[in-house]
Amino acid sequence: MTFSKKQWLIGCICLAVGLAFYIYRTGGEKPESSLQTSDIIKAESSATKKEGESSDQVISSQDSPFVMVDIKGAVQKPGVYQLPKDARVKDALAQAGGATKEADLR
C-alpha cells in the first residue's frame, strides 16, 4: 500500500494540529527548575549559623523533621513554608491562607 502526496500532507496537518492542541491544553509551560531540599537547608543553616561555628556543618534533609514547600498559584499568601514531614497538601494550603475564588480544587 502506498501513500499519495495528498495523504502524506493530510497526515502531517493532523499531526501538527494534534501537537498544537497538546501545547494549548498543557499551557505550553516548561517545568520550573527548583532548588533541591538540601540547597534550601544549606542556605538556612548558613543564614542562621552562629559566630564560631564550622561552615562544614550541613543539616541533612533526612535528619530534619520538616520539609520546605513552595506554594504558588491561586492561594491567599503564596510563598515558601516549613511544614512537618508528614504534612498533607491540605496542611500546606491552610498555611498559605487557603484557596482564592479562582482556584480549581479538583
C-alpha atoms as a PDB file:
ATOM      1  CA  MET A   1       0.000   0.000   0.000  1.00  0.00           C
ATOM      2  CA  THR A   2       1.483   3.347  -0.991  1.00  0.00           C
ATOM      3  CA  PHE A   3       0.516   6.761   0.199  1.00  0.00           C
ATOM      4  CA  SER A   4      -0.062   9.620  -2.186  1.00  0.00           C
ATOM      5  CA  LYS A   5       1.284  13.112  -1.589  1.00  0.00           C
ATOM      6  CA  LYS A   6      -2.210  14.215  -0.587  1.00  0.00           C
ATOM      7  CA  GLN A   7      -2.432  11.546   2.144  1.00  0.00           C
ATOM      8  CA  TRP A   8       1.020  12.487   3.497  1.00  0.00           C
ATOM      9  CA  LEU A   9       0.001  16.164   3.581  1.00  0.00           C
ATOM     10  CA  ILE A  10      -3.243  15.383   5.414  1.00  0.00           C
ATOM     11  CA  GLY A  11      -1.327  13.220   7.898  1.00  0.00           C
ATOM     12  CA  CYS A  12       1.212  15.976   8.567  1.00  0.00           C
ATOM     13  CA  ILE A  13      -1.542  18.551   9.060  1.00  0.00           C
ATOM     14  CA  CYS A  14      -3.342  16.249  11.520  1.00  0.00           C
ATOM     15  CA  LEU A  15      -0.108  15.730  13.419  1.00  0.00           C
ATOM     16  CA  ALA A  16       0.557  19.489  13.566  1.00  0.00           C
ATOM     17  CA  VAL A  17      -2.992  20.202  14.775  1.00  0.00           C
ATOM     18  CA  GLY A  18      -2.687  17.491  17.429  1.00  0.00           C
ATOM     19  CA  LEU A  19       0.632  18.885  18.639  1.00  0.00           C
ATOM     20  CA  ALA A  20      -0.761  22.429  18.750  1.00  0.00           C
ATOM     21  CA  PHE A  21      -3.778  21.198  20.746  1.00  0.00           C
ATOM     22  CA  TYR A  22      -1.495  19.393  23.220  1.00  0.00           C
ATOM     23  CA  ILE A  23       0.618  22.515  23.733  1.00  0.00           C
ATOM     24  CA  TYR A  24      -2.536  24.604  24.168  1.00  0.00           C
ATOM     25  CA  ARG A  25      -4.010  22.168  26.757  1.00  0.00           C
ATOM     26  CA  THR A  26      -0.802  21.977  28.794  1.00  0.00           C
ATOM     27  CA  GLY A  27      -0.345  25.729  28.672  1.00  0.00           C
ATOM     28  CA  GLY A  28       2.998  25.413  26.934  1.00  0.00           C
ATOM     29  CA  GLU A  29       4.639  25.543  30.350  1.00  0.00           C
ATOM     30  CA  LYS A  30       8.049  24.112  30.904  1.00  0.00           C
ATOM     31  CA  PRO A  31       8.673  22.567  34.304  1.00  0.00           C
ATOM     32  CA  GLU A  32      10.357  25.002  36.658  1.00  0.00           C
ATOM     33  CA  SER A  33      13.787  24.182  37.867  1.00  0.00           C
ATOM     34  CA  SER A  34      13.521  24.150  41.626  1.00  0.00           C
ATOM     35  CA  LEU A  35      16.011  24.154  44.415  1.00  0.00           C
ATOM     36  CA  GLN A  36      16.824  20.842  45.993  1.00  0.00           C
ATOM     37  CA  THR A  37      15.794  20.447  49.638  1.00  0.00           C
ATOM     38  CA  SER A  38      19.437  20.136  50.597  1.00  0.00           C
ATOM     39  CA  ASP A  39      20.166  23.511  48.939  1.00  0.00           C
ATOM     40  CA  ILE A  40      17.425  25.190  50.982  1.00  0.00           C
ATOM     41  CA  ILE A  41      18.623  23.577  54.190  1.00  0.00           C
ATOM     42  CA  LYS A  42      22.220  24.640  53.441  1.00  0.00           C
ATOM     43  CA  ALA A  43      21.060  28.205  52.837  1.00  0.00           C
ATOM     44  CA  GLU A  44      19.036  28.234  56.049  1.00  0.00           C
ATOM     45  CA  SER A  45      21.821  26.727  58.119  1.00  0.00           C
ATOM     46  CA  SER A  46      24.357  29.235  56.805  1.00  0.00           C
ATOM     47  CA  ALA A  47      21.942  32.115  57.388  1.00  0.00           C
ATOM     48  CA  THR A  48      21.320  31.084  60.996  1.00  0.00           C
ATOM     49  CA  LYS A  49      24.905  29.996  61.660  1.00  0.00           C
ATOM     50  CA  LYS A  50      26.259  31.337  64.924  1.00  0.00           C
ATOM     51  CA  GLU A  51      29.628  33.007  65.155  1.00  0.00           C
ATOM     52  CA  GLY A  52      32.430  30.494  65.607  1.00  0.00           C
ATOM     53  CA  GLU A  53      30.588  27.516  64.095  1.00  0.00           C
ATOM     54  CA  SER A  54      32.213  25.489  61.378  1.00  0.00           C
ATOM     55  CA  SER A  55      30.934  26.217  57.864  1.00  0.00           C
ATOM     56  CA  ASP A  56      31.340  22.486  57.048  1.00  0.00           C
ATOM     57  CA  GLN A  57      28.314  21.578  59.161  1.00  0.00           C
ATOM     58  CA  VAL A  58      25.299  20.853  56.936  1.00  0.00           C
ATOM     59  CA  ILE A  59      21.974  19.502  58.132  1.00  0.00           C
ATOM     60  CA  SER A  60      20.801  16.519  56.114  1.00  0.00           C
ATOM     61  CA  SER A  61      17.230  16.626  54.839  1.00  0.00           C
ATOM     62  CA  GLN A  62      16.686  13.147  56.335  1.00  0.00           C
ATOM     63  CA  ASP A  63      17.606  14.458  59.810  1.00  0.00           C
ATOM     64  CA  SER A  64      15.157  17.339  59.679  1.00  0.00           C
ATOM     65  CA  PRO A  65      11.595  16.741  60.915  1.00  0.00           C
ATOM     66  CA  PHE A  66      10.421  19.419  58.472  1.00  0.00           C
ATOM     67  CA  VAL A  67      10.091  19.939  54.717  1.00  0.00           C
ATOM     68  CA  MET A  68      10.115  23.207  52.822  1.00  0.00           C
ATOM     69  CA  VAL A  69       7.131  23.691  50.498  1.00  0.00           C
ATOM     70  CA  ASP A  70       6.871  26.412  47.830  1.00  0.00           C
ATOM     71  CA  ILE A  71       3.176  27.186  47.390  1.00  0.00           C
ATOM     72  CA  LYS A  72       2.173  29.119  44.265  1.00  0.00           C
ATOM     73  CA  GLY A  73      -0.952  29.796  42.304  1.00  0.00           C
ATOM     74  CA  ALA A  74      -4.444  30.660  43.459  1.00  0.00           C
ATOM     75  CA  VAL A  75      -3.791  30.904  47.196  1.00  0.00           C
ATOM     76  CA  GLN A  76      -4.155  33.842  49.580  1.00  0.00           C
ATOM     77  CA  LYS A  77      -0.466  34.013  50.594  1.00  0.00           C
ATOM     78  CA  PRO A  78       1.904  32.316  48.110  1.00  0.00           C
ATOM     79  CA  GLY A  79       5.363  31.592  49.468  1.00  0.00           C
ATOM     80  CA  VAL A  80       7.759  29.075  50.959  1.00  0.00           C
ATOM     81  CA  TYR A  81       6.526  27.351  54.107  1.00  0.00           C
ATOM     82  CA  GLN A  82       8.113  24.952  56.569  1.00  0.00           C
ATOM     83  CA  LEU A  83       5.843  22.008  57.359  1.00  0.00           C
ATOM     84  CA  PRO A  84       6.238  18.757  59.293  1.00  0.00           C
ATOM     85  CA  LYS A  85       7.464  15.841  57.172  1.00  0.00           C
ATOM     86  CA  ASP A  86       4.107  14.079  57.482  1.00  0.00           C
ATOM     87  CA  ALA A  87       2.083  17.129  56.356  1.00  0.00           C
ATOM     88  CA  ARG A  88      -0.510  16.804  53.595  1.00  0.00           C
ATOM     89  CA  VAL A  89      -1.500  19.136  50.763  1.00  0.00           C
ATOM     90  CA  LYS A  90      -4.440  20.443  52.823  1.00  0.00           C
ATOM     91  CA  ASP A  91      -1.963  21.479  55.544  1.00  0.00           C
ATOM     92  CA  ALA A  92       0.142  23.422  53.041  1.00  0.00           C
ATOM     93  CA  LEU A  93      -2.989  25.074  51.645  1.00  0.00           C
ATOM     94  CA  ALA A  94      -4.011  26.106  55.164  1.00  0.00           C
ATOM     95  CA  GLN A  95      -0.538  27.611  55.771  1.00  0.00           C
ATOM     96  CA  ALA A  96      -0.971  29.699  52.614  1.00  0.00           C
ATOM     97  CA  GLY A  97      -4.238  31.145  53.898  1.00  0.00           C
ATOM     98  CA  GLY A  98      -6.492  28.926  51.800  1.00  0.00           C
ATOM     99  CA  ALA A  99      -7.529  28.972  48.161  1.00  0.00           C
ATOM    100  CA  THR A 100      -8.801  32.021  46.311  1.00  0.00           C
ATOM    101  CA  LYS A 101     -12.108  32.142  44.423  1.00  0.00           C
ATOM    102  CA  GLU A 102     -10.267  31.436  41.166  1.00  0.00           C
ATOM    103  CA  ALA A 103      -8.728  28.191  42.485  1.00  0.00           C
ATOM    104  CA  ASP A 104      -9.647  24.919  40.801  1.00  0.00           C
ATOM    105  CA  LEU A 105      -9.669  22.454  43.697  1.00  0.00           C
ATOM    106  CA  ARG A 106     -10.347  19.439  41.523  1.00  0.00           C
END
